[in-house]
C-alpha atoms as a PDB file:
ATOM      1  CA  MET A   1      23.864 -26.049   9.984  1.00  0.00           C
ATOM      2  CA  LEU A   2      23.159 -27.981  13.172  1.00  0.00           C
ATOM      3  CA  VAL A   3      24.699 -25.252  15.294  1.00  0.00           C
ATOM      4  CA  TYR A   4      22.529 -22.650  13.588  1.00  0.00           C
ATOM      5  CA  ASN A   5      19.295 -24.593  14.044  1.00  0.00           C
ATOM      6  CA  SER A   6      19.913 -25.540  17.665  1.00  0.00           C
ATOM      7  CA  SER A   7      20.966 -22.021  18.641  1.00  0.00           C
ATOM      8  CA  PHE A   8      18.027 -20.445  16.891  1.00  0.00           C
ATOM      9  CA  ASP A   9      15.513 -22.890  18.409  1.00  0.00           C
ATOM     10  CA  GLU A  10      16.950 -22.456  21.905  1.00  0.00           C
ATOM     11  CA  PHE A  11      16.798 -18.692  21.624  1.00  0.00           C
ATOM     12  CA  MET A  12      13.233 -18.739  20.282  1.00  0.00           C
ATOM     13  CA  LEU A  13      12.032 -21.024  23.090  1.00  0.00           C
ATOM     14  CA  LYS A  14      13.725 -18.873  25.718  1.00  0.00           C
ATOM     15  CA  ALA A  15      12.305 -15.680  24.231  1.00  0.00           C
ATOM     16  CA  LYS A  16       8.817 -17.164  24.020  1.00  0.00           C
ATOM     17  CA  HIS A  17       9.000 -18.445  27.606  1.00  0.00           C
ATOM     18  CA  ASP A  18      10.110 -15.037  28.903  1.00  0.00           C
ATOM     19  CA  SER A  19       7.477 -13.308  26.812  1.00  0.00           C
ATOM     20  CA  THR A  20       4.550 -15.429  27.962  1.00  0.00           C
ATOM     21  CA  GLU A  21       5.402 -14.661  31.592  1.00  0.00           C
ATOM     22  CA  LYS A  22       5.273 -10.890  31.116  1.00  0.00           C
ATOM     23  CA  GLN A  23       3.185 -10.214  28.019  1.00  0.00           C
ATOM     24  CA  GLU A  24      -0.557 -10.478  27.547  1.00  0.00           C
ATOM     25  CA  TYR A  25      -1.888 -11.051  24.043  1.00  0.00           C
ATOM     26  CA  LYS A  26      -5.179  -9.554  22.944  1.00  0.00           C
ATOM     27  CA  VAL A  27      -7.044  -9.265  19.645  1.00  0.00           C
ATOM     28  CA  TYR A  28      -8.916  -6.008  18.989  1.00  0.00           C
ATOM     29  CA  GLN A  29     -11.922  -5.379  16.754  1.00  0.00           C
ATOM     30  CA  GLN A  30     -10.112  -2.238  15.602  1.00  0.00           C
ATOM     31  CA  ARG A  31      -8.034  -4.490  13.348  1.00  0.00           C
ATOM     32  CA  TRP A  32     -10.912  -4.772  10.875  1.00  0.00           C
ATOM     33  CA  LEU A  33     -11.256  -0.987  10.662  1.00  0.00           C
ATOM     34  CA  VAL A  34      -7.528  -0.700   9.988  1.00  0.00           C
ATOM     35  CA  LEU A  35      -7.827  -3.274   7.224  1.00  0.00           C
ATOM     36  CA  LEU A  36     -10.978  -1.630   5.824  1.00  0.00           C
ATOM     37  CA  ALA A  37      -9.294   1.772   5.611  1.00  0.00           C
ATOM     38  CA  PHE A  38      -6.245   0.313   3.920  1.00  0.00           C
ATOM     39  CA  CYS A  39      -8.402  -1.629   1.461  1.00  0.00           C
ATOM     40  CA  ALA A  40     -10.226   1.584   0.537  1.00  0.00           C
ATOM     41  CA  PHE A  41      -6.904   3.344   0.036  1.00  0.00           C
ATOM     42  CA  THR A  42      -5.277   0.634  -2.074  1.00  0.00           C
ATOM     43  CA  PHE A  43      -8.455   0.288  -4.165  1.00  0.00           C
ATOM     44  CA  CYS A  44      -8.541   4.018  -4.920  1.00  0.00           C
ATOM     45  CA  ASN A  45      -4.809   4.287  -5.569  1.00  0.00           C
ATOM     46  CA  ALA A  46      -5.101   1.673  -8.310  1.00  0.00           C
ATOM     47  CA  LEU A  47      -7.795   3.615 -10.161  1.00  0.00           C
ATOM     48  CA  GLY A  48      -5.398   6.049 -11.791  1.00  0.00           C
ATOM     49  CA  PHE A  49      -2.947   3.384 -12.897  1.00  0.00           C
ATOM     50  CA  VAL A  50      -5.087   2.109 -15.768  1.00  0.00           C
ATOM     51  CA  GLN A  51      -7.859   4.680 -16.066  1.00  0.00           C
ATOM     52  CA  TYR A  52      -6.746   5.689 -19.582  1.00  0.00           C
ATOM     53  CA  THR A  53      -5.609   2.263 -20.779  1.00  0.00           C
ATOM     54  CA  PRO A  54      -8.915   1.264 -22.463  1.00  0.00           C
ATOM     55  CA  ILE A  55      -9.310   4.742 -24.010  1.00  0.00           C
ATOM     56  CA  LEU A  56      -5.811   5.657 -25.189  1.00  0.00           C
ATOM     57  CA  LYS A  57      -6.968   7.415 -28.351  1.00  0.00           C
ATOM     58  CA  MET A  58      -9.623   9.433 -26.548  1.00  0.00           C
ATOM     59  CA  ALA A  59      -7.232  10.395 -23.753  1.00  0.00           C
ATOM     60  CA  ALA A  60      -4.637  11.387 -26.364  1.00  0.00           C
ATOM     61  CA  SER A  61      -7.148  13.708 -28.016  1.00  0.00           C
ATOM     62  CA  TYR A  62      -8.134  15.059 -24.583  1.00  0.00           C
ATOM     63  CA  TYR A  63      -4.546  16.039 -23.728  1.00  0.00           C
ATOM     64  CA  ASP A  64      -3.597  16.773 -27.353  1.00  0.00           C
ATOM     65  CA  VAL A  65      -0.670  14.326 -27.285  1.00  0.00           C
ATOM     66  CA  ASP A  66       0.034  11.000 -28.967  1.00  0.00           C
ATOM     67  CA  GLU A  67      -0.854   7.655 -27.405  1.00  0.00           C
ATOM     68  CA  ASP A  68       2.694   7.117 -26.156  1.00  0.00           C
ATOM     69  CA  GLY A  69       2.353  10.314 -24.164  1.00  0.00           C
ATOM     70  CA  VAL A  70      -0.737   8.955 -22.423  1.00  0.00           C
ATOM     71  CA  ALA A  71       1.050   5.659 -21.744  1.00  0.00           C
ATOM     72  CA  TRP A  72       3.648   7.595 -19.753  1.00  0.00           C
ATOM     73  CA  PHE A  73       1.012   8.272 -17.100  1.00  0.00           C
ATOM     74  CA  SER A  74       1.031   4.580 -16.178  1.00  0.00           C
ATOM     75  CA  ILE A  75       4.790   4.284 -16.623  1.00  0.00           C
ATOM     76  CA  CYS A  76       5.164   6.860 -13.833  1.00  0.00           C
ATOM     77  CA  TYR A  77       3.960   4.188 -11.411  1.00  0.00           C
ATOM     78  CA  TYR A  78       6.782   1.836 -12.416  1.00  0.00           C
ATOM     79  CA  ILE A  79       9.468   4.511 -12.344  1.00  0.00           C
ATOM     80  CA  THR A  80       8.536   5.876  -8.926  1.00  0.00           C
ATOM     81  CA  TYR A  81       8.245   2.372  -7.485  1.00  0.00           C
ATOM     82  CA  PHE A  82      11.615   1.299  -8.880  1.00  0.00           C
ATOM     83  CA  LEU A  83      13.357   4.403  -7.539  1.00  0.00           C
ATOM     84  CA  LEU A  84      11.632   4.872  -4.187  1.00  0.00           C
ATOM     85  CA  ALA A  85      10.244   1.529  -2.985  1.00  0.00           C
ATOM     86  CA  PRO A  86      13.381   0.608  -0.978  1.00  0.00           C
ATOM     87  CA  PHE A  87      12.928   3.794   1.041  1.00  0.00           C
ATOM     88  CA  SER A  88       9.384   2.828   2.080  1.00  0.00           C
ATOM     89  CA  ILE A  89      10.410  -0.097   4.299  1.00  0.00           C
ATOM     90  CA  LYS A  90      11.957   1.872   7.159  1.00  0.00           C
ATOM     91  CA  PRO A  91       8.993   4.286   7.534  1.00  0.00           C
ATOM     92  CA  LEU A  92       6.612   1.315   7.625  1.00  0.00           C
ATOM     93  CA  ASP A  93       8.790  -0.298  10.298  1.00  0.00           C
ATOM     94  CA  ILE A  94       8.781   2.826  12.445  1.00  0.00           C
ATOM     95  CA  ARG A  95       5.257   4.228  11.967  1.00  0.00           C
ATOM     96  CA  LEU A  96       2.778   2.265   9.922  1.00  0.00           C
ATOM     97  CA  ASP A  97       0.044   4.844  10.456  1.00  0.00           C
ATOM     98  CA  TYR A  98       2.026   7.941   9.454  1.00  0.00           C
ATOM     99  CA  SER A  99       3.405   6.152   6.403  1.00  0.00           C
ATOM    100  CA  LEU A 100      -0.071   5.275   5.157  1.00  0.00           C
ATOM    101  CA  PHE A 101      -1.397   8.751   6.001  1.00  0.00           C
ATOM    102  CA  PHE A 102       1.351  10.232   3.852  1.00  0.00           C
ATOM    103  CA  ALA A 103       0.734   7.775   1.019  1.00  0.00           C
ATOM    104  CA  ALA A 104      -3.033   8.328   1.044  1.00  0.00           C
ATOM    105  CA  PHE A 105      -2.548  12.104   1.141  1.00  0.00           C
ATOM    106  CA  LEU A 106      -0.216  12.009  -1.866  1.00  0.00           C
ATOM    107  CA  THR A 107      -2.661   9.815  -3.765  1.00  0.00           C
ATOM    108  CA  SER A 108      -5.551  12.172  -3.047  1.00  0.00           C
ATOM    109  CA  LEU A 109      -3.417  15.203  -3.900  1.00  0.00           C
ATOM    110  CA  GLY A 110      -2.300  13.582  -7.138  1.00  0.00           C
ATOM    111  CA  GLN A 111      -5.829  12.745  -8.229  1.00  0.00           C
ATOM    112  CA  TRP A 112      -7.062  16.268  -7.506  1.00  0.00           C
ATOM    113  CA  THR A 113      -4.082  17.631  -9.434  1.00  0.00           C
ATOM    114  CA  ILE A 114      -5.115  15.533 -12.440  1.00  0.00           C
ATOM    115  CA  TYR A 115      -8.680  16.794 -12.197  1.00  0.00           C
ATOM    116  CA  LEU A 116      -7.745  20.463 -11.766  1.00  0.00           C
ATOM    117  CA  ALA A 117      -5.150  20.234 -14.548  1.00  0.00           C
ATOM    118  CA  HIS A 118      -8.020  19.583 -16.952  1.00  0.00           C
ATOM    119  CA  GLN A 119      -6.285  19.209 -20.345  1.00  0.00           C
ATOM    120  CA  ASN A 120      -2.841  20.376 -19.212  1.00  0.00           C
ATOM    121  CA  TYR A 121      -0.619  17.362 -19.884  1.00  0.00           C
ATOM    122  CA  ALA A 122       2.409  18.500 -17.849  1.00  0.00           C
ATOM    123  CA  ILE A 123       0.401  19.248 -14.703  1.00  0.00           C
ATOM    124  CA  ALA A 124      -1.481  15.964 -15.049  1.00  0.00           C
ATOM    125  CA  MET A 125       1.857  14.151 -15.235  1.00  0.00           C
ATOM    126  CA  ILE A 126       2.821  15.691 -11.883  1.00  0.00           C
ATOM    127  CA  GLY A 127      -0.418  14.340 -10.446  1.00  0.00           C
ATOM    128  CA  PHE A 128       0.379  10.833 -11.637  1.00  0.00           C
ATOM    129  CA  VAL A 129       3.854  11.103 -10.095  1.00  0.00           C
ATOM    130  CA  PHE A 130       2.232  11.941  -6.739  1.00  0.00           C
ATOM    131  CA  ILE A 131      -0.028   8.904  -7.040  1.00  0.00           C
ATOM    132  CA  GLY A 132       2.971   6.755  -7.977  1.00  0.00           C
ATOM    133  CA  ILE A 133       4.854   7.891  -4.873  1.00  0.00           C
ATOM    134  CA  GLY A 134       1.841   7.013  -2.747  1.00  0.00           C
ATOM    135  CA  GLN A 135       1.772   3.586  -4.346  1.00  0.00           C
ATOM    136  CA  ILE A 136       5.234   2.579  -3.087  1.00  0.00           C
ATOM    137  CA  PHE A 137       3.858   1.882   0.399  1.00  0.00           C
ATOM    138  CA  ILE A 138       1.019  -0.335  -0.791  1.00  0.00           C
ATOM    139  CA  LEU A 139       2.648  -3.641  -1.722  1.00  0.00           C
ATOM    140  CA  ALA A 140       4.398  -4.176   1.619  1.00  0.00           C
ATOM    141  CA  ALA A 141       1.679  -2.706   3.843  1.00  0.00           C
ATOM    142  CA  PRO A 142      -0.702  -5.730   3.970  1.00  0.00           C
ATOM    143  CA  ALA A 143       1.993  -7.861   5.598  1.00  0.00           C
ATOM    144  CA  TYR A 144       2.758  -5.136   8.150  1.00  0.00           C
ATOM    145  CA  ILE A 145      -0.919  -4.714   9.011  1.00  0.00           C
ATOM    146  CA  SER A 146      -1.394  -8.468   9.392  1.00  0.00           C
ATOM    147  CA  ASP A 147       1.700  -8.881  11.562  1.00  0.00           C
ATOM    148  CA  ARG A 148       0.829  -6.050  13.921  1.00  0.00           C
ATOM    149  CA  TRP A 149      -2.930  -6.349  14.212  1.00  0.00           C
ATOM    150  CA  PHE A 150      -4.043  -9.898  13.400  1.00  0.00           C
ATOM    151  CA  PRO A 151      -3.557 -13.230  15.189  1.00  0.00           C
ATOM    152  CA  VAL A 152      -1.648 -15.883  13.308  1.00  0.00           C
ATOM    153  CA  HIS A 153      -4.695 -17.795  12.059  1.00  0.00           C
ATOM    154  CA  GLU A 154      -6.178 -14.638  10.443  1.00  0.00           C
ATOM    155  CA  ARG A 155      -3.083 -13.294   8.742  1.00  0.00           C
ATOM    156  CA  THR A 156      -3.524 -15.159   5.486  1.00  0.00           C
ATOM    157  CA  VAL A 157      -7.022 -13.728   5.057  1.00  0.00           C
ATOM    158  CA  SER A 158      -6.069 -10.172   6.014  1.00  0.00           C
ATOM    159  CA  THR A 159      -3.003 -10.123   3.770  1.00  0.00           C
ATOM    160  CA  CYS A 160      -4.970 -11.527   0.839  1.00  0.00           C
ATOM    161  CA  LEU A 161      -7.729  -8.940   1.276  1.00  0.00           C
ATOM    162  CA  GLY A 162      -5.227  -6.085   1.445  1.00  0.00           C
ATOM    163  CA  SER A 163      -3.568  -7.254  -1.761  1.00  0.00           C
ATOM    164  CA  PHE A 164      -6.762  -8.252  -3.573  1.00  0.00           C
ATOM    165  CA  LEU A 165      -8.405  -4.827  -3.248  1.00  0.00           C
ATOM    166  CA  ASN A 166      -5.573  -3.299  -5.263  1.00  0.00           C
ATOM    167  CA  LEU A 167      -6.308  -5.702  -8.110  1.00  0.00           C
ATOM    168  CA  LEU A 168     -10.017  -5.025  -7.719  1.00  0.00           C
ATOM    169  CA  GLY A 169      -9.338  -1.308  -8.109  1.00  0.00           C
ATOM    170  CA  LEU A 170      -7.449  -1.954 -11.327  1.00  0.00           C
ATOM    171  CA  ASN A 171     -10.307  -4.001 -12.742  1.00  0.00           C
ATOM    172  CA  PHE A 172     -12.922  -1.475 -11.672  1.00  0.00           C
ATOM    173  CA  SER A 173     -11.026   1.328 -13.407  1.00  0.00           C
ATOM    174  CA  ILE A 174     -10.736  -0.666 -16.636  1.00  0.00           C
ATOM    175  CA  PHE A 175     -14.406  -1.653 -16.487  1.00  0.00           C
ATOM    176  CA  TYR A 176     -15.587   1.908 -15.811  1.00  0.00           C
ATOM    177  CA  SER A 177     -13.561   3.403 -18.655  1.00  0.00           C
ATOM    178  CA  SER A 178     -14.573   0.671 -21.076  1.00  0.00           C
ATOM    179  CA  ILE A 179     -18.290   1.056 -20.378  1.00  0.00           C
ATOM    180  CA  THR A 180     -18.445   4.846 -20.068  1.00  0.00           C
ATOM    181  CA  PHE A 181     -16.527   5.679 -23.236  1.00  0.00           C
ATOM    182  CA  GLU A 182     -17.770   2.796 -25.370  1.00  0.00           C
ATOM    183  CA  GLU A 183     -19.855   4.950 -27.724  1.00  0.00           C
ATOM    184  CA  LEU A 184     -18.017   8.289 -27.529  1.00  0.00           C
ATOM    185  CA  SER A 185     -15.441   7.784 -30.277  1.00  0.00           C
ATOM    186  CA  GLY A 186     -15.007  11.017 -32.261  1.00  0.00           C
ATOM    187  CA  GLN A 187     -17.200  13.083 -29.927  1.00  0.00           C
ATOM    188  CA  LEU A 188     -14.502  15.329 -28.444  1.00  0.00           C
ATOM    189  CA  ASP A 189     -16.833  17.519 -26.387  1.00  0.00           C
ATOM    190  CA  ASN A 190     -18.440  14.508 -24.739  1.00  0.00           C
ATOM    191  CA  ILE A 191     -15.032  12.883 -24.229  1.00  0.00           C
ATOM    192  CA  ILE A 192     -13.773  15.976 -22.416  1.00  0.00           C
ATOM    193  CA  LYS A 193     -16.893  16.071 -20.269  1.00  0.00           C
ATOM    194  CA  GLU A 194     -16.702  12.388 -19.327  1.00  0.00           C
ATOM    195  CA  ILE A 195     -12.959  12.419 -18.578  1.00  0.00           C
ATOM    196  CA  ASP A 196     -13.417  15.452 -16.336  1.00  0.00           C
ATOM    197  CA  PHE A 197     -16.284  13.704 -14.562  1.00  0.00           C
ATOM    198  CA  MET A 198     -14.264  10.489 -14.166  1.00  0.00           C
ATOM    199  CA  ASN A 199     -11.338  12.380 -12.655  1.00  0.00           C
ATOM    200  CA  LEU A 200     -13.696  14.210 -10.300  1.00  0.00           C
ATOM    201  CA  ILE A 201     -15.243  10.935  -9.113  1.00  0.00           C
ATOM    202  CA  TYR A 202     -11.813   9.378  -8.567  1.00  0.00           C
ATOM    203  CA  SER A 203     -10.665  12.482  -6.678  1.00  0.00           C
ATOM    204  CA  ILE A 204     -13.641  12.301  -4.324  1.00  0.00           C
ATOM    205  CA  MET A 205     -13.123   8.570  -3.786  1.00  0.00           C
ATOM    206  CA  ASN A 206      -9.442   9.103  -2.937  1.00  0.00           C
ATOM    207  CA  THR A 207     -10.333  11.892  -0.525  1.00  0.00           C
ATOM    208  CA  VAL A 208     -12.792   9.613   1.273  1.00  0.00           C
ATOM    209  CA  ALA A 209     -10.113   6.900   1.440  1.00  0.00           C
ATOM    210  CA  PHE A 210      -7.636   9.406   2.897  1.00  0.00           C
ATOM    211  CA  LEU A 211     -10.121  10.438   5.594  1.00  0.00           C
ATOM    212  CA  MET A 212     -10.782   6.780   6.400  1.00  0.00           C
ATOM    213  CA  CYS A 213      -7.045   6.251   6.867  1.00  0.00           C
ATOM    214  CA  LEU A 214      -6.818   9.242   9.204  1.00  0.00           C
ATOM    215  CA  LEU A 215      -9.722   8.046  11.323  1.00  0.00           C
ATOM    216  CA  MET A 216      -9.181   4.283  11.377  1.00  0.00           C
ATOM    217  CA  ILE A 217      -5.518   3.378  10.941  1.00  0.00           C
ATOM    218  CA  LYS A 218      -3.391   3.130  14.074  1.00  0.00           C
ATOM    219  CA  ASN A 219       0.265   2.196  14.299  1.00  0.00           C
ATOM    220  CA  LYS A 220      -0.258  -0.843  16.542  1.00  0.00           C
ATOM    221  CA  PRO A 221      -2.718  -2.186  19.132  1.00  0.00           C
ATOM    222  CA  PRO A 222      -2.167  -1.567  22.871  1.00  0.00           C
ATOM    223  CA  SER A 223      -1.300  -5.250  23.290  1.00  0.00           C
ATOM    224  CA  PRO A 224       0.133  -7.489  20.550  1.00  0.00           C
ATOM    225  CA  PRO A 225      -2.132 -10.211  19.125  1.00  0.00           C
ATOM    226  CA  SER A 226       0.538 -12.932  19.323  1.00  0.00           C
ATOM    227  CA  PHE A 227       4.098 -13.722  20.326  1.00  0.00           C
ATOM    228  CA  SER A 228       5.375 -13.226  16.788  1.00  0.00           C
ATOM    229  CA  ALA A 229       3.932  -9.708  16.779  1.00  0.00           C
ATOM    230  CA  VAL A 230       6.090  -8.896  19.811  1.00  0.00           C
ATOM    231  CA  ILE A 231       9.187  -9.915  17.897  1.00  0.00           C
ATOM    232  CA  ILE A 232       8.125  -8.006  14.797  1.00  0.00           C
ATOM    233  CA  TYR A 233       7.198  -4.590  16.127  1.00  0.00           C
ATOM    234  CA  VAL A 234       8.564  -4.398  19.665  1.00  0.00           C
ATOM    235  CA  ASN A 235      12.074  -5.793  19.523  1.00  0.00           C
ATOM    236  CA  TYR A 236      12.642  -6.873  15.941  1.00  0.00           C
ATOM    237  CA  PHE A 237      16.121  -5.513  15.316  1.00  0.00           C
ATOM    238  CA  GLY A 238      17.387  -6.326  18.798  1.00  0.00           C
ATOM    239  CA  PHE A 239      16.005  -9.838  18.487  1.00  0.00           C
ATOM    240  CA  ARG A 240      17.815 -10.457  15.214  1.00  0.00           C
ATOM    241  CA  LYS A 241      21.014  -9.037  16.632  1.00  0.00           C
ATOM    242  CA  ASN A 242      20.834 -11.271  19.716  1.00  0.00           C
ATOM    243  CA  VAL A 243      20.104 -14.339  17.599  1.00  0.00           C
ATOM    244  CA  ASN A 244      23.100 -13.693  15.391  1.00  0.00           C
ATOM    245  CA  ASN A 245      25.375 -13.032  18.363  1.00  0.00           C
ATOM    246  CA  GLU A 246      24.342 -16.218  20.165  1.00  0.00           C
ATOM    247  CA  ILE A 247      24.764 -18.303  17.022  1.00  0.00           C
ATOM    248  CA  ILE A 248      28.234 -16.889  16.392  1.00  0.00           C
ATOM    249  CA  GLN A 249      29.344 -17.284  20.019  1.00  0.00           C
ATOM    250  CA  LYS A 250      28.117 -20.870  20.251  1.00  0.00           C
ATOM    251  CA  SER A 251      29.700 -21.825  16.952  1.00  0.00           C
ATOM    252  CA  PHE A 252      33.064 -20.552  18.188  1.00  0.00           C
ATOM    253  CA  GLN A 253      32.675 -22.353  21.519  1.00  0.00           C
ATOM    254  CA  GLU A 254      31.904 -25.689  19.855  1.00  0.00           C
ATOM    255  CA  SER A 255      34.553 -25.409  17.145  1.00  0.00           C
END
């Protein structure tokens, strides 16, 4: 344990000393636009997750299925995340911007698919699968954005905001459905009209979020905001490899 700590500390101090001689650190205002675009995206992605939860019976009558069938729309999120989330880490490592563009595009495409499907249950399910695939990039993205764009003292705030907007989107969706459909029980024509309108609104919101991502999100700033950002997105894998090699070599030399 002592060998590990001393080797790691020595390597970190050496790396930081070398870095400060050659690297300039700068914080850009663009970071807030990146965070804003991501917050809009994660907020809108969450809308579809629970949009039918407060109105299961009405949604079941809309799609002409039972309530369990409607519940499968939300289950799609869990299934796609369980199957595909491990494959989202490498794309985020390589290109944060392209990964979020792809995720926002799939979310927008999925929501428009749900709207255009109207009362077609199978096509709507495909739309929810698209949204679920877009969702796999969301949980890890706030940490990546904070590490690449924000100085150390702002990372807690930026990460919390990126995560909180997803929860806010969930609550907004539940609130909207609960209020809008409160007095429509048994009125099938009005239910169909309101669900179509809700899906249209969510589709437009997701499209706006996608455009915000395209315009505002960049992979990384021209100069890193801190020393730790250099390690994370410039030489992360090489750094870890060198640390491990030095620890192993020193442990053999001292044994």
